[in-house]
Amino acid sequence: NTIEFTGTLHTTVVKQVRLKNLSTNTLAYNAILLGRDAADFSLPKGSTVTIPPAKQGFLNVEFTIRFLHPAEAVLILFSNKVDGVDGATLTFSLKSEVKNIEPVGMIRCKSPCYEL
């Protein structure tokens, strides 16, 4: 699965990963970010999510678009044993794309185009 972060240069984009627990046991996951641009992504609400039986849990992933080149990383969710049950390891590809560039400011100046 790929999670795409698209937006304007210098903006922060937050995506929410929804995890469903269809079992009758509580599941807990720890999240880590790996890859070339992993330092540009963050988990603002923490890297642990616990999902009660037959419920869902959410994990926020945040990315601030700082460069024009696409950023890439991998989000890995690995299970912690809760109630003696392990969940499956989950992986997501994280990719960014700049869709727009807004000027931070404008400077007006006058100068001659040509002088002898």
PDB file of N, CA and C in Angstrom:
ATOM      1  N   ASN A   1       0.838  -1.189   0.000  1.00  0.00           N
ATOM      2  CA  ASN A   1       0.000   0.000   0.000  1.00  0.00           C
ATOM      3  C   ASN A   1       0.875   1.242   0.000  1.00  0.00           C
ATOM      4  N   THR A   2       0.438   2.258  -0.730  1.00  0.00           N
ATOM      5  CA  THR A   2       1.175   3.515  -0.810  1.00  0.00           C
ATOM      6  C   THR A   2       0.329   4.646  -0.244  1.00  0.00           C
ATOM      7  N   ILE A   3       0.946   5.454   0.588  1.00  0.00           N
ATOM      8  CA  ILE A   3       0.297   6.642   1.124  1.00  0.00           C
ATOM      9  C   ILE A   3       0.971   7.836   0.466  1.00  0.00           C
ATOM     10  N   GLU A   4       0.185   8.656  -0.230  1.00  0.00           N
ATOM     11  CA  GLU A   4       0.743   9.787  -0.964  1.00  0.00           C
ATOM     12  C   GLU A   4       0.483  11.091  -0.226  1.00  0.00           C
ATOM     13  N   PHE A   5       1.539  11.878  -0.099  1.00  0.00           N
ATOM     14  CA  PHE A   5       1.479  13.181   0.530  1.00  0.00           C
ATOM     15  C   PHE A   5       1.662  14.221  -0.567  1.00  0.00           C
ATOM     16  N   THR A   6       0.594  14.873  -0.974  1.00  0.00           N
ATOM     17  CA  THR A   6       0.672  15.882  -2.030  1.00  0.00           C
ATOM     18  C   THR A   6       0.230  17.219  -1.467  1.00  0.00           C
ATOM     19  N   GLY A   7       0.863  18.268  -1.931  1.00  0.00           N
ATOM     20  CA  GLY A   7       0.496  19.590  -1.449  1.00  0.00           C
ATOM     21  C   GLY A   7       1.419  20.657  -1.975  1.00  0.00           C
ATOM     22  N   THR A   8       1.317  21.818  -1.363  1.00  0.00           N
ATOM     23  CA  THR A   8       2.096  22.990  -1.721  1.00  0.00           C
ATOM     24  C   THR A   8       3.428  22.971  -0.985  1.00  0.00           C
ATOM     25  N   LEU A   9       4.458  23.452  -1.649  1.00  0.00           N
ATOM     26  CA  LEU A   9       5.778  23.536  -1.050  1.00  0.00           C
ATOM     27  C   LEU A   9       5.704  24.290   0.281  1.00  0.00           C
ATOM     28  N   HIS A  10       6.378  23.791   1.303  1.00  0.00           N
ATOM     29  CA  HIS A  10       6.464  24.350   2.655  1.00  0.00           C
ATOM     30  C   HIS A  10       5.193  24.183   3.485  1.00  0.00           C
ATOM     31  N   THR A  11       4.290  23.322   3.065  1.00  0.00           N
ATOM     32  CA  THR A  11       3.113  23.042   3.888  1.00  0.00           C
ATOM     33  C   THR A  11       3.281  21.682   4.565  1.00  0.00           C
ATOM     34  N   THR A  12       2.489  21.460   5.598  1.00  0.00           N
ATOM     35  CA  THR A  12       2.508  20.188   6.310  1.00  0.00           C
ATOM     36  C   THR A  12       1.256  19.404   5.959  1.00  0.00           C
ATOM     37  N   VAL A  13       1.445  18.152   5.591  1.00  0.00           N
ATOM     38  CA  VAL A  13       0.341  17.276   5.221  1.00  0.00           C
ATOM     39  C   VAL A  13       0.278  16.149   6.256  1.00  0.00           C
ATOM     40  N   VAL A  14      -0.921  15.897   6.769  1.00  0.00           N
ATOM     41  CA  VAL A  14      -1.118  14.822   7.736  1.00  0.00           C
ATOM     42  C   VAL A  14      -2.037  13.774   7.123  1.00  0.00           C
ATOM     43  N   LYS A  15      -1.618  12.544   7.177  1.00  0.00           N
ATOM     44  CA  LYS A  15      -2.435  11.418   6.718  1.00  0.00           C
ATOM     45  C   LYS A  15      -2.703  10.516   7.912  1.00  0.00           C
ATOM     46  N   GLN A  16      -3.874   9.924   7.904  1.00  0.00           N
ATOM     47  CA  GLN A  16      -4.267   9.046   8.998  1.00  0.00           C
ATOM     48  C   GLN A  16      -4.378   7.615   8.462  1.00  0.00           C
ATOM     49  N   VAL A  17      -3.661   6.706   9.106  1.00  0.00           N
ATOM     50  CA  VAL A  17      -3.710   5.295   8.741  1.00  0.00           C
ATOM     51  C   VAL A  17      -4.728   4.636   9.671  1.00  0.00           C
ATOM     52  N   ARG A  18      -5.740   4.012   9.072  1.00  0.00           N
ATOM     53  CA  ARG A  18      -6.781   3.345   9.862  1.00  0.00           C
ATOM     54  C   ARG A  18      -6.484   1.856   9.917  1.00  0.00           C
ATOM     55  N   LEU A  19      -6.439   1.321  11.115  1.00  0.00           N
ATOM     56  CA  LEU A  19      -6.163  -0.098  11.332  1.00  0.00           C
ATOM     57  C   LEU A  19      -7.385  -0.741  11.964  1.00  0.00           C
ATOM     58  N   LYS A  20      -7.903  -1.778  11.318  1.00  0.00           N
ATOM     59  CA  LYS A  20      -9.078  -2.487  11.835  1.00  0.00           C
ATOM     60  C   LYS A  20      -8.642  -3.766  12.529  1.00  0.00           C
ATOM     61  N   ASN A  21      -9.265  -4.045  13.653  1.00  0.00           N
ATOM     62  CA  ASN A  21      -9.020  -5.287  14.379  1.00  0.00           C
ATOM     63  C   ASN A  21     -10.284  -6.136  14.280  1.00  0.00           C
ATOM     64  N   LEU A  22     -10.242  -7.162  13.455  1.00  0.00           N
ATOM     65  CA  LEU A  22     -11.399  -8.024  13.269  1.00  0.00           C
ATOM     66  C   LEU A  22     -11.403  -9.211  14.214  1.00  0.00           C
ATOM     67  N   SER A  23     -10.369  -9.319  15.038  1.00  0.00           N
ATOM     68  CA  SER A  23     -10.267 -10.467  15.943  1.00  0.00           C
ATOM     69  C   SER A  23     -10.965 -10.176  17.276  1.00  0.00           C
ATOM     70  N   THR A  24     -10.957 -11.177  18.144  1.00  0.00           N
ATOM     71  CA  THR A  24     -11.568 -11.025  19.468  1.00  0.00           C
ATOM     72  C   THR A  24     -10.518 -10.700  20.536  1.00  0.00           C
ATOM     73  N   ASN A  25      -9.304 -10.393  20.105  1.00  0.00           N
ATOM     74  CA  ASN A  25      -8.211 -10.052  21.017  1.00  0.00           C
ATOM     75  C   ASN A  25      -7.736  -8.630  20.749  1.00  0.00           C
ATOM     76  N   THR A  26      -7.183  -7.993  21.776  1.00  0.00           N
ATOM     77  CA  THR A  26      -6.597  -6.660  21.614  1.00  0.00           C
ATOM     78  C   THR A  26      -5.281  -6.776  20.851  1.00  0.00           C
ATOM     79  N   LEU A  27      -5.069  -5.862  19.899  1.00  0.00           N
ATOM     80  CA  LEU A  27      -3.812  -5.811  19.146  1.00  0.00           C
ATOM     81  C   LEU A  27      -3.093  -4.506  19.462  1.00  0.00           C
ATOM     82  N   ALA A  28      -1.781  -4.553  19.501  1.00  0.00           N
ATOM     83  CA  ALA A  28      -0.968  -3.354  19.707  1.00  0.00           C
ATOM     84  C   ALA A  28       0.149  -3.349  18.676  1.00  0.00           C
ATOM     85  N   TYR A  29       0.424  -2.173  18.136  1.00  0.00           N
ATOM     86  CA  TYR A  29       1.462  -2.034  17.124  1.00  0.00           C
ATOM     87  C   TYR A  29       2.425  -0.920  17.504  1.00  0.00           C
ATOM     88  N   ASN A  30       3.697  -1.117  17.177  1.00  0.00           N
ATOM     89  CA  ASN A  30       4.718  -0.072  17.232  1.00  0.00           C
ATOM     90  C   ASN A  30       5.047   0.295  15.802  1.00  0.00           C
ATOM     91  N   ALA A  31       5.231   1.587  15.560  1.00  0.00           N
ATOM     92  CA  ALA A  31       5.518   2.069  14.209  1.00  0.00           C
ATOM     93  C   ALA A  31       6.930   2.628  14.142  1.00  0.00           C
ATOM     94  N   ILE A  32       7.602   2.351  13.020  1.00  0.00           N
ATOM     95  CA  ILE A  32       8.904   2.958  12.749  1.00  0.00           C
ATOM     96  C   ILE A  32       8.918   3.447  11.308  1.00  0.00           C
ATOM     97  N   LEU A  33       9.708   4.482  11.080  1.00  0.00           N
ATOM     98  CA  LEU A  33       9.879   5.044   9.742  1.00  0.00           C
ATOM     99  C   LEU A  33      11.307   4.774   9.288  1.00  0.00           C
ATOM    100  N   LEU A  34      11.445   4.203   8.101  1.00  0.00           N
ATOM    101  CA  LEU A  34      12.761   3.877   7.547  1.00  0.00           C
ATOM    102  C   LEU A  34      12.847   4.385   6.117  1.00  0.00           C
ATOM    103  N   GLY A  35      14.076   4.569   5.654  1.00  0.00           N
ATOM    104  CA  GLY A  35      14.271   4.922   4.255  1.00  0.00           C
ATOM    105  C   GLY A  35      15.041   6.208   4.080  1.00  0.00           C
ATOM    106  N   ARG A  36      15.237   6.541   2.824  1.00  0.00           N
ATOM    107  CA  ARG A  36      16.050   7.686   2.426  1.00  0.00           C
ATOM    108  C   ARG A  36      15.600   8.992   3.075  1.00  0.00           C
ATOM    109  N   ASP A  37      14.299   9.245   3.097  1.00  0.00           N
ATOM    110  CA  ASP A  37      13.779  10.509   3.606  1.00  0.00           C
ATOM    111  C   ASP A  37      12.945  10.327   4.872  1.00  0.00           C
ATOM    112  N   ALA A  38      13.213   9.273   5.627  1.00  0.00           N
ATOM    113  CA  ALA A  38      12.419   8.972   6.829  1.00  0.00           C
ATOM    114  C   ALA A  38      12.444  10.114   7.840  1.00  0.00           C
ATOM    115  N   ALA A  39      13.517  10.874   7.903  1.00  0.00           N
ATOM    116  CA  ALA A  39      13.626  11.975   8.864  1.00  0.00           C
ATOM    117  C   ALA A  39      12.633  13.100   8.561  1.00  0.00           C
ATOM    118  N   ASP A  40      12.130  13.175   7.329  1.00  0.00           N
ATOM    119  CA  ASP A  40      11.176  14.221   6.960  1.00  0.00           C
ATOM    120  C   ASP A  40       9.740  13.864   7.348  1.00  0.00           C
ATOM    121  N   PHE A  41       9.501  12.607   7.675  1.00  0.00           N
ATOM    122  CA  PHE A  41       8.180  12.152   8.109  1.00  0.00           C
ATOM    123  C   PHE A  41       8.192  12.040   9.632  1.00  0.00           C
ATOM    124  N   SER A  42       7.031  12.168  10.252  1.00  0.00           N
ATOM    125  CA  SER A  42       6.969  12.017  11.705  1.00  0.00           C
ATOM    126  C   SER A  42       5.634  11.399  12.114  1.00  0.00           C
ATOM    127  N   LEU A  43       5.610  10.922  13.351  1.00  0.00           N
ATOM    128  CA  LEU A  43       4.411  10.337  13.951  1.00  0.00           C
ATOM    129  C   LEU A  43       4.036  11.234  15.129  1.00  0.00           C
ATOM    130  N   PRO A  44       3.280  12.325  14.887  1.00  0.00           N
ATOM    131  CA  PRO A  44       3.064  13.343  15.908  1.00  0.00           C
ATOM    132  C   PRO A  44       2.297  12.879  17.141  1.00  0.00           C
ATOM    133  N   LYS A  45       1.483  11.868  17.014  1.00  0.00           N
ATOM    134  CA  LYS A  45       0.710  11.392  18.169  1.00  0.00           C
ATOM    135  C   LYS A  45       1.316  10.138  18.776  1.00  0.00           C
ATOM    136  N   GLY A  46       2.584   9.903  18.466  1.00  0.00           N
ATOM    137  CA  GLY A  46       3.273   8.754  19.036  1.00  0.00           C
ATOM    138  C   GLY A  46       3.353   7.588  18.062  1.00  0.00           C
ATOM    139  N   SER A  47       4.228   6.648  18.402  1.00  0.00           N
ATOM    140  CA  SER A  47       4.497   5.531  17.502  1.00  0.00           C
ATOM    141  C   SER A  47       3.821   4.238  17.935  1.00  0.00           C
ATOM    142  N   THR A  48       2.921   4.313  18.920  1.00  0.00           N
ATOM    143  CA  THR A  48       2.238   3.120  19.397  1.00  0.00           C
ATOM    144  C   THR A  48       0.739   3.286  19.229  1.00  0.00           C
ATOM    145  N   VAL A  49       0.087   2.229  18.779  1.00  0.00           N
ATOM    146  CA  VAL A  49      -1.371   2.236  18.661  1.00  0.00           C
ATOM    147  C   VAL A  49      -1.907   0.907  19.200  1.00  0.00           C
ATOM    148  N   THR A  50      -2.955   0.999  20.038  1.00  0.00           N
ATOM    149  CA  THR A  50      -3.603  -0.188  20.591  1.00  0.00           C
ATOM    150  C   THR A  50      -5.025  -0.236  20.052  1.00  0.00           C
ATOM    151  N   ILE A  51      -5.416  -1.413  19.573  1.00  0.00           N
ATOM    152  CA  ILE A  51      -6.726  -1.566  18.956  1.00  0.00           C
ATOM    153  C   ILE A  51      -7.530  -2.618  19.722  1.00  0.00           C
ATOM    154  N   PRO A  52      -8.619  -2.191  20.360  1.00  0.00           N
ATOM    155  CA  PRO A  52      -9.466  -3.148  21.080  1.00  0.00           C
ATOM    156  C   PRO A  52     -10.124  -4.141  20.108  1.00  0.00           C
ATOM    157  N   PRO A  53     -10.623  -5.268  20.624  1.00  0.00           N
ATOM    158  CA  PRO A  53     -11.283  -6.262  19.767  1.00  0.00           C
ATOM    159  C   PRO A  53     -12.463  -5.662  18.992  1.00  0.00           C
ATOM    160  N   ALA A  54     -12.550  -6.008  17.720  1.00  0.00           N
ATOM    161  CA  ALA A  54     -13.635  -5.596  16.825  1.00  0.00           C
ATOM    162  C   ALA A  54     -13.763  -4.076  16.707  1.00  0.00           C
ATOM    163  N   LYS A  55     -12.678  -3.357  16.912  1.00  0.00           N
ATOM    164  CA  LYS A  55     -12.671  -1.892  16.802  1.00  0.00           C
ATOM    165  C   LYS A  55     -11.605  -1.483  15.783  1.00  0.00           C
ATOM    166  N   GLN A  56     -11.359  -0.189  15.702  1.00  0.00           N
ATOM    167  CA  GLN A  56     -10.310   0.313  14.830  1.00  0.00           C
ATOM    168  C   GLN A  56      -9.448   1.326  15.566  1.00  0.00           C
ATOM    169  N   GLY A  57      -8.224   1.462  15.099  1.00  0.00           N
ATOM    170  CA  GLY A  57      -7.289   2.416  15.664  1.00  0.00           C
ATOM    171  C   GLY A  57      -6.713   3.278  14.555  1.00  0.00           C
ATOM    172  N   PHE A  58      -6.163   4.414  14.924  1.00  0.00           N
ATOM    173  CA  PHE A  58      -5.633   5.345  13.938  1.00  0.00           C
ATOM    174  C   PHE A  58      -4.205   5.752  14.300  1.00  0.00           C
ATOM    175  N   LEU A  59      -3.396   5.935  13.269  1.00  0.00           N
ATOM    176  CA  LEU A  59      -2.021   6.387  13.428  1.00  0.00           C
ATOM    177  C   LEU A  59      -1.824   7.553  12.471  1.00  0.00           C
ATOM    178  N   ASN A  60      -1.422   8.713  12.999  1.00  0.00           N
ATOM    179  CA  ASN A  60      -1.183   9.883  12.156  1.00  0.00           C
ATOM    180  C   ASN A  60       0.257   9.899  11.674  1.00  0.00           C
ATOM    181  N   VAL A  61       0.423  10.209  10.388  1.00  0.00           N
ATOM    182  CA  VAL A  61       1.750  10.376   9.788  1.00  0.00           C
ATOM    183  C   VAL A  61       1.792  11.788   9.206  1.00  0.00           C
ATOM    184  N   GLU A  62       2.835  12.528   9.566  1.00  0.00           N
ATOM    185  CA  GLU A  62       2.945  13.931   9.173  1.00  0.00           C
ATOM    186  C   GLU A  62       4.169  14.120   8.283  1.00  0.00           C
ATOM    187  N   PHE A  63       4.017  14.985   7.289  1.00  0.00           N
ATOM    188  CA  PHE A  63       5.129  15.285   6.381  1.00  0.00           C
ATOM    189  C   PHE A  63       5.100  16.760   6.029  1.00  0.00           C
ATOM    190  N   THR A  64       6.231  17.436   6.193  1.00  0.00           N
ATOM    191  CA  THR A  64       6.357  18.830   5.773  1.00  0.00           C
ATOM    192  C   THR A  64       7.137  18.858   4.468  1.00  0.00           C
ATOM    193  N   ILE A  65       6.513  19.418   3.439  1.00  0.00           N
ATOM    194  CA  ILE A  65       7.130  19.452   2.108  1.00  0.00           C
ATOM    195  C   ILE A  65       8.178  20.559   2.092  1.00  0.00           C
ATOM    196  N   ARG A  66       9.449  20.153   2.127  1.00  0.00           N
ATOM    197  CA  ARG A  66      10.548  21.123   2.200  1.00  0.00           C
ATOM    198  C   ARG A  66      11.317  21.253   0.893  1.00  0.00           C
ATOM    199  N   PHE A  67      11.243  20.236   0.038  1.00  0.00           N
ATOM    200  CA  PHE A  67      12.035  20.223  -1.201  1.00  0.00           C
ATOM    201  C   PHE A  67      11.135  19.895  -2.386  1.00  0.00           C
ATOM    202  N   LEU A  68      11.611  20.233  -3.582  1.00  0.00           N
ATOM    203  CA  LEU A  68      10.841  19.933  -4.792  1.00  0.00           C
ATOM    204  C   LEU A  68      10.927  18.464  -5.182  1.00  0.00           C
ATOM    205  N   HIS A  69      12.022  17.808  -4.830  1.00  0.00           N
ATOM    206  CA  HIS A  69      12.158  16.399  -5.225  1.00  0.00           C
ATOM    207  C   HIS A  69      11.222  15.528  -4.388  1.00  0.00           C
ATOM    208  N   PRO A  70      10.711  14.444  -4.957  1.00  0.00           N
ATOM    209  CA  PRO A  70       9.821  13.555  -4.199  1.00  0.00           C
ATOM    210  C   PRO A  70      10.549  12.886  -3.043  1.00  0.00           C
ATOM    211  N   ALA A  71       9.896  12.806  -1.909  1.00  0.00           N
ATOM    212  CA  ALA A  71      10.454  12.124  -0.736  1.00  0.00           C
ATOM    213  C   ALA A  71       9.865  10.720  -0.671  1.00  0.00           C
ATOM    214  N   GLU A  72      10.666   9.779  -0.170  1.00  0.00           N
ATOM    215  CA  GLU A  72      10.218   8.396  -0.047  1.00  0.00           C
ATOM    216  C   GLU A  72      10.668   7.826   1.294  1.00  0.00           C
ATOM    217  N   ALA A  73       9.794   7.028   1.893  1.00  0.00           N
ATOM    218  CA  ALA A  73      10.117   6.328   3.131  1.00  0.00           C
ATOM    219  C   ALA A  73       9.180   5.129   3.246  1.00  0.00           C
ATOM    220  N   VAL A  74       9.406   4.340   4.279  1.00  0.00           N
ATOM    221  CA  VAL A  74       8.566   3.170   4.540  1.00  0.00           C
ATOM    222  C   VAL A  74       8.100   3.238   5.990  1.00  0.00           C
ATOM    223  N   LEU A  75       6.812   3.011   6.187  1.00  0.00           N
ATOM    224  CA  LEU A  75       6.224   2.923   7.520  1.00  0.00           C
ATOM    225  C   LEU A  75       6.026   1.443   7.819  1.00  0.00           C
ATOM    226  N   ILE A  76       6.640   0.973   8.896  1.00  0.00           N
ATOM    227  CA  ILE A  76       6.503  -0.434   9.289  1.00  0.00           C
ATOM    228  C   ILE A  76       5.795  -0.478  10.640  1.00  0.00           C
ATOM    229  N   LEU A  77       4.743  -1.259  10.706  1.00  0.00           N
ATOM    230  CA  LEU A  77       4.001  -1.475  11.943  1.00  0.00           C
ATOM    231  C   LEU A  77       4.214  -2.918  12.363  1.00  0.00           C
ATOM    232  N   PHE A  78       4.878  -3.103  13.499  1.00  0.00           N
ATOM    233  CA  PHE A  78       5.090  -4.464  13.970  1.00  0.00           C
ATOM    234  C   PHE A  78       4.357  -4.646  15.293  1.00  0.00           C
ATOM    235  N   SER A  79       3.869  -5.851  15.483  1.00  0.00           N
ATOM    236  CA  SER A  79       2.968  -6.158  16.587  1.00  0.00           C
ATOM    237  C   SER A  79       3.687  -6.352  17.901  1.00  0.00           C
ATOM    238  N   ASN A  80       3.039  -5.898  18.976  1.00  0.00           N
ATOM    239  CA  ASN A  80       3.430  -6.202  20.352  1.00  0.00           C
ATOM    240  C   ASN A  80       2.456  -7.260  20.840  1.00  0.00           C
ATOM    241  N   LYS A  81       2.948  -8.214  21.590  1.00  0.00           N
ATOM    242  CA  LYS A  81       2.045  -9.232  22.115  1.00  0.00           C
ATOM    243  C   LYS A  81       1.143  -8.643  23.187  1.00  0.00           C
ATOM    244  N   VAL A  82      -0.150  -8.755  22.975  1.00  0.00           N
ATOM    245  CA  VAL A  82      -1.152  -8.380  23.958  1.00  0.00           C
ATOM    246  C   VAL A  82      -2.098  -9.567  24.053  1.00  0.00           C
ATOM    247  N   ASP A  83      -2.412  -9.995  25.244  1.00  0.00           N
ATOM    248  CA  ASP A  83      -3.270 -11.173  25.442  1.00  0.00           C
ATOM    249  C   ASP A  83      -2.671 -12.413  24.783  1.00  0.00           C
ATOM    250  N   GLY A  84      -1.323 -12.436  24.613  1.00  0.00           N
ATOM    251  CA  GLY A  84      -0.665 -13.586  24.004  1.00  0.00           C
ATOM    252  C   GLY A  84      -0.850 -13.703  22.505  1.00  0.00           C
ATOM    253  N   VAL A  85      -1.339 -12.645  21.854  1.00  0.00           N
ATOM    254  CA  VAL A  85      -1.632 -12.692  20.417  1.00  0.00           C
ATOM    255  C   VAL A  85      -0.750 -11.689  19.684  1.00  0.00           C
ATOM    256  N   ASP A  86      -0.156 -12.137  18.585  1.00  0.00           N
ATOM    257  CA  ASP A  86       0.618 -11.275  17.694  1.00  0.00           C
ATOM    258  C   ASP A  86      -0.211 -10.942  16.462  1.00  0.00           C
ATOM    259  N   GLY A  87      -0.155  -9.691  16.030  1.00  0.00           N
ATOM    260  CA  GLY A  87      -0.780  -9.305  14.772  1.00  0.00           C
ATOM    261  C   GLY A  87       0.241  -9.401  13.654  1.00  0.00           C
ATOM    262  N   ALA A  88      -0.228  -9.298  12.432  1.00  0.00           N
ATOM    263  CA  ALA A  88       0.653  -9.350  11.265  1.00  0.00           C
ATOM    264  C   ALA A  88       1.446  -8.047  11.166  1.00  0.00           C
ATOM    265  N   THR A  89       2.671  -8.143  10.655  1.00  0.00           N
ATOM    266  CA  THR A  89       3.472  -6.954  10.400  1.00  0.00           C
ATOM    267  C   THR A  89       2.919  -6.260   9.163  1.00  0.00           C
ATOM    268  N   LEU A  90       2.763  -4.942   9.248  1.00  0.00           N
ATOM    269  CA  LEU A  90       2.192  -4.164   8.147  1.00  0.00           C
ATOM    270  C   LEU A  90       3.230  -3.171   7.632  1.00  0.00           C
ATOM    271  N   THR A  91       3.286  -2.995   6.315  1.00  0.00           N
ATOM    272  CA  THR A  91       4.209  -2.022   5.725  1.00  0.00           C
ATOM    273  C   THR A  91       3.452  -1.123   4.757  1.00  0.00           C
ATOM    274  N   PHE A  92       3.855   0.138   4.739  1.00  0.00           N
ATOM    275  CA  PHE A  92       3.262   1.122   3.842  1.00  0.00           C
ATOM    276  C   PHE A  92       4.392   1.931   3.205  1.00  0.00           C
ATOM    277  N   SER A  93       4.273   2.187   1.929  1.00  0.00           N
ATOM    278  CA  SER A  93       5.215   3.040   1.222  1.00  0.00           C
ATOM    279  C   SER A  93       4.709   4.480   1.333  1.00  0.00           C
ATOM    280  N   LEU A  94       5.596   5.401   1.709  1.00  0.00           N
ATOM    281  CA  LEU A  94       5.244   6.816   1.839  1.00  0.00           C
ATOM    282  C   LEU A  94       5.935   7.592   0.730  1.00  0.00           C
ATOM    283  N   LYS A  95       5.154   8.371  -0.027  1.00  0.00           N
ATOM    284  CA  LYS A  95       5.715   9.146  -1.142  1.00  0.00           C
ATOM    285  C   LYS A  95       5.126  10.542  -1.126  1.00  0.00           C
ATOM    286  N   SER A  96       5.924  11.508  -1.550  1.00  0.00           N
ATOM    287  CA  SER A  96       5.437  12.887  -1.592  1.00  0.00           C
ATOM    288  C   SER A  96       5.535  13.439  -3.001  1.00  0.00           C
ATOM    289  N   GLU A  97       4.715  14.454  -3.233  1.00  0.00           N
ATOM    290  CA  GLU A  97       4.750  15.135  -4.529  1.00  0.00           C
ATOM    291  C   GLU A  97       4.322  16.583  -4.324  1.00  0.00           C
ATOM    292  N   VAL A  98       5.093  17.510  -4.885  1.00  0.00           N
ATOM    293  CA  VAL A  98       4.766  18.935  -4.816  1.00  0.00           C
ATOM    294  C   VAL A  98       3.805  19.241  -5.957  1.00  0.00           C
ATOM    295  N   LYS A  99       2.635  19.739  -5.614  1.00  0.00           N
ATOM    296  CA  LYS A  99       1.616  20.067  -6.632  1.00  0.00           C
ATOM    297  C   LYS A  99       1.581  21.551  -6.951  1.00  0.00           C
ATOM    298  N   ASN A 100       2.126  22.382  -6.055  1.00  0.00           N
ATOM    299  CA  ASN A 100       2.005  23.813  -6.239  1.00  0.00           C
ATOM    300  C   ASN A 100       3.138  24.511  -5.482  1.00  0.00           C
ATOM    301  N   ILE A 101       3.532  25.667  -5.973  1.00  0.00           N
ATOM    302  CA  ILE A 101       4.540  26.480  -5.283  1.00  0.00           C
ATOM    303  C   ILE A 101       3.946  27.864  -5.092  1.00  0.00           C
ATOM    304  N   GLU A 102       3.791  28.259  -3.842  1.00  0.00           N
ATOM    305  CA  GLU A 102       3.285  29.590  -3.506  1.00  0.00           C
ATOM    306  C   GLU A 102       4.471  30.452  -3.089  1.00  0.00           C
ATOM    307  N   PRO A 103       4.542  31.684  -3.559  1.00  0.00           N
ATOM    308  CA  PRO A 103       5.644  32.551  -3.129  1.00  0.00           C
ATOM    309  C   PRO A 103       5.514  32.915  -1.654  1.00  0.00           C
ATOM    310  N   VAL A 104       6.649  32.945  -0.969  1.00  0.00           N
ATOM    311  CA  VAL A 104       6.667  33.325   0.436  1.00  0.00           C
ATOM    312  C   VAL A 104       6.496  34.831   0.553  1.00  0.00           C
ATOM    313  N   GLY A 105       7.027  35.560  -0.399  1.00  0.00           N
ATOM    314  CA  GLY A 105       6.918  37.015  -0.408  1.00  0.00           C
ATOM    315  C   GLY A 105       7.325  37.548  -1.771  1.00  0.00           C
ATOM    316  N   MET A 106       7.103  38.833  -1.974  1.00  0.00           N
ATOM    317  CA  MET A 106       7.491  39.458  -3.242  1.00  0.00           C
ATOM    318  C   MET A 106       8.301  40.703  -2.957  1.00  0.00           C
ATOM    319  N   ILE A 107       9.284  40.947  -3.807  1.00  0.00           N
ATOM    320  CA  ILE A 107      10.104  42.144  -3.711  1.00  0.00           C
ATOM    321  C   ILE A 107      10.019  42.866  -5.049  1.00  0.00           C
ATOM    322  N   ARG A 108       9.659  44.137  -4.998  1.00  0.00           N
ATOM    323  CA  ARG A 108       9.624  44.927  -6.226  1.00  0.00           C
ATOM    324  C   ARG A 108      10.863  45.820  -6.248  1.00  0.00           C
ATOM    325  N   CYS A 109      11.486  45.874  -7.401  1.00  0.00           N
ATOM    326  CA  CYS A 109      12.643  46.754  -7.530  1.00  0.00           C
ATOM    327  C   CYS A 109      12.690  47.318  -8.941  1.00  0.00           C
ATOM    328  N   LYS A 110      13.335  48.439  -9.090  1.00  0.00           N
ATOM    329  CA  LYS A 110      13.498  49.089 -10.381  1.00  0.00           C
ATOM    330  C   LYS A 110      14.973  49.196 -10.687  1.00  0.00           C
ATOM    331  N   SER A 111      15.327  48.834 -11.900  1.00  0.00           N
ATOM    332  CA  SER A 111      16.700  49.007 -12.325  1.00  0.00           C
ATOM    333  C   SER A 111      16.720  49.097 -13.841  1.00  0.00           C
ATOM    334  N   PRO A 112      17.721  49.757 -14.364  1.00  0.00           N
ATOM    335  CA  PRO A 112      17.800  49.847 -15.818  1.00  0.00           C
ATOM    336  C   PRO A 112      18.141  48.487 -16.422  1.00  0.00           C
ATOM    337  N   CYS A 113      17.539  48.210 -17.566  1.00  0.00           N
ATOM    338  CA  CYS A 113      17.809  46.946 -18.219  1.00  0.00           C
ATOM    339  C   CYS A 113      19.138  46.998 -18.977  1.00  0.00           C
ATOM    340  N   TYR A 114      19.529  48.222 -19.411  1.00  0.00           N
ATOM    341  CA  TYR A 114      20.731  48.328 -20.215  1.00  0.00           C
ATOM    342  C   TYR A 114      21.354  49.694 -19.997  1.00  0.00           C
ATOM    343  N   GLU A 115      22.661  49.717 -19.844  1.00  0.00           N
ATOM    344  CA  GLU A 115      23.379  50.982 -19.752  1.00  0.00           C
ATOM    345  C   GLU A 115      24.520  50.959 -20.744  1.00  0.00           C
ATOM    346  N   LEU A 116      24.790  52.118 -21.333  1.00  0.00           N
ATOM    347  CA  LEU A 116      25.904  52.226 -22.255  1.00  0.00           C
ATOM    348  C   LEU A 116      27.220  52.236 -21.502  1.00  0.00           C
TER     349      LEU A 116
END
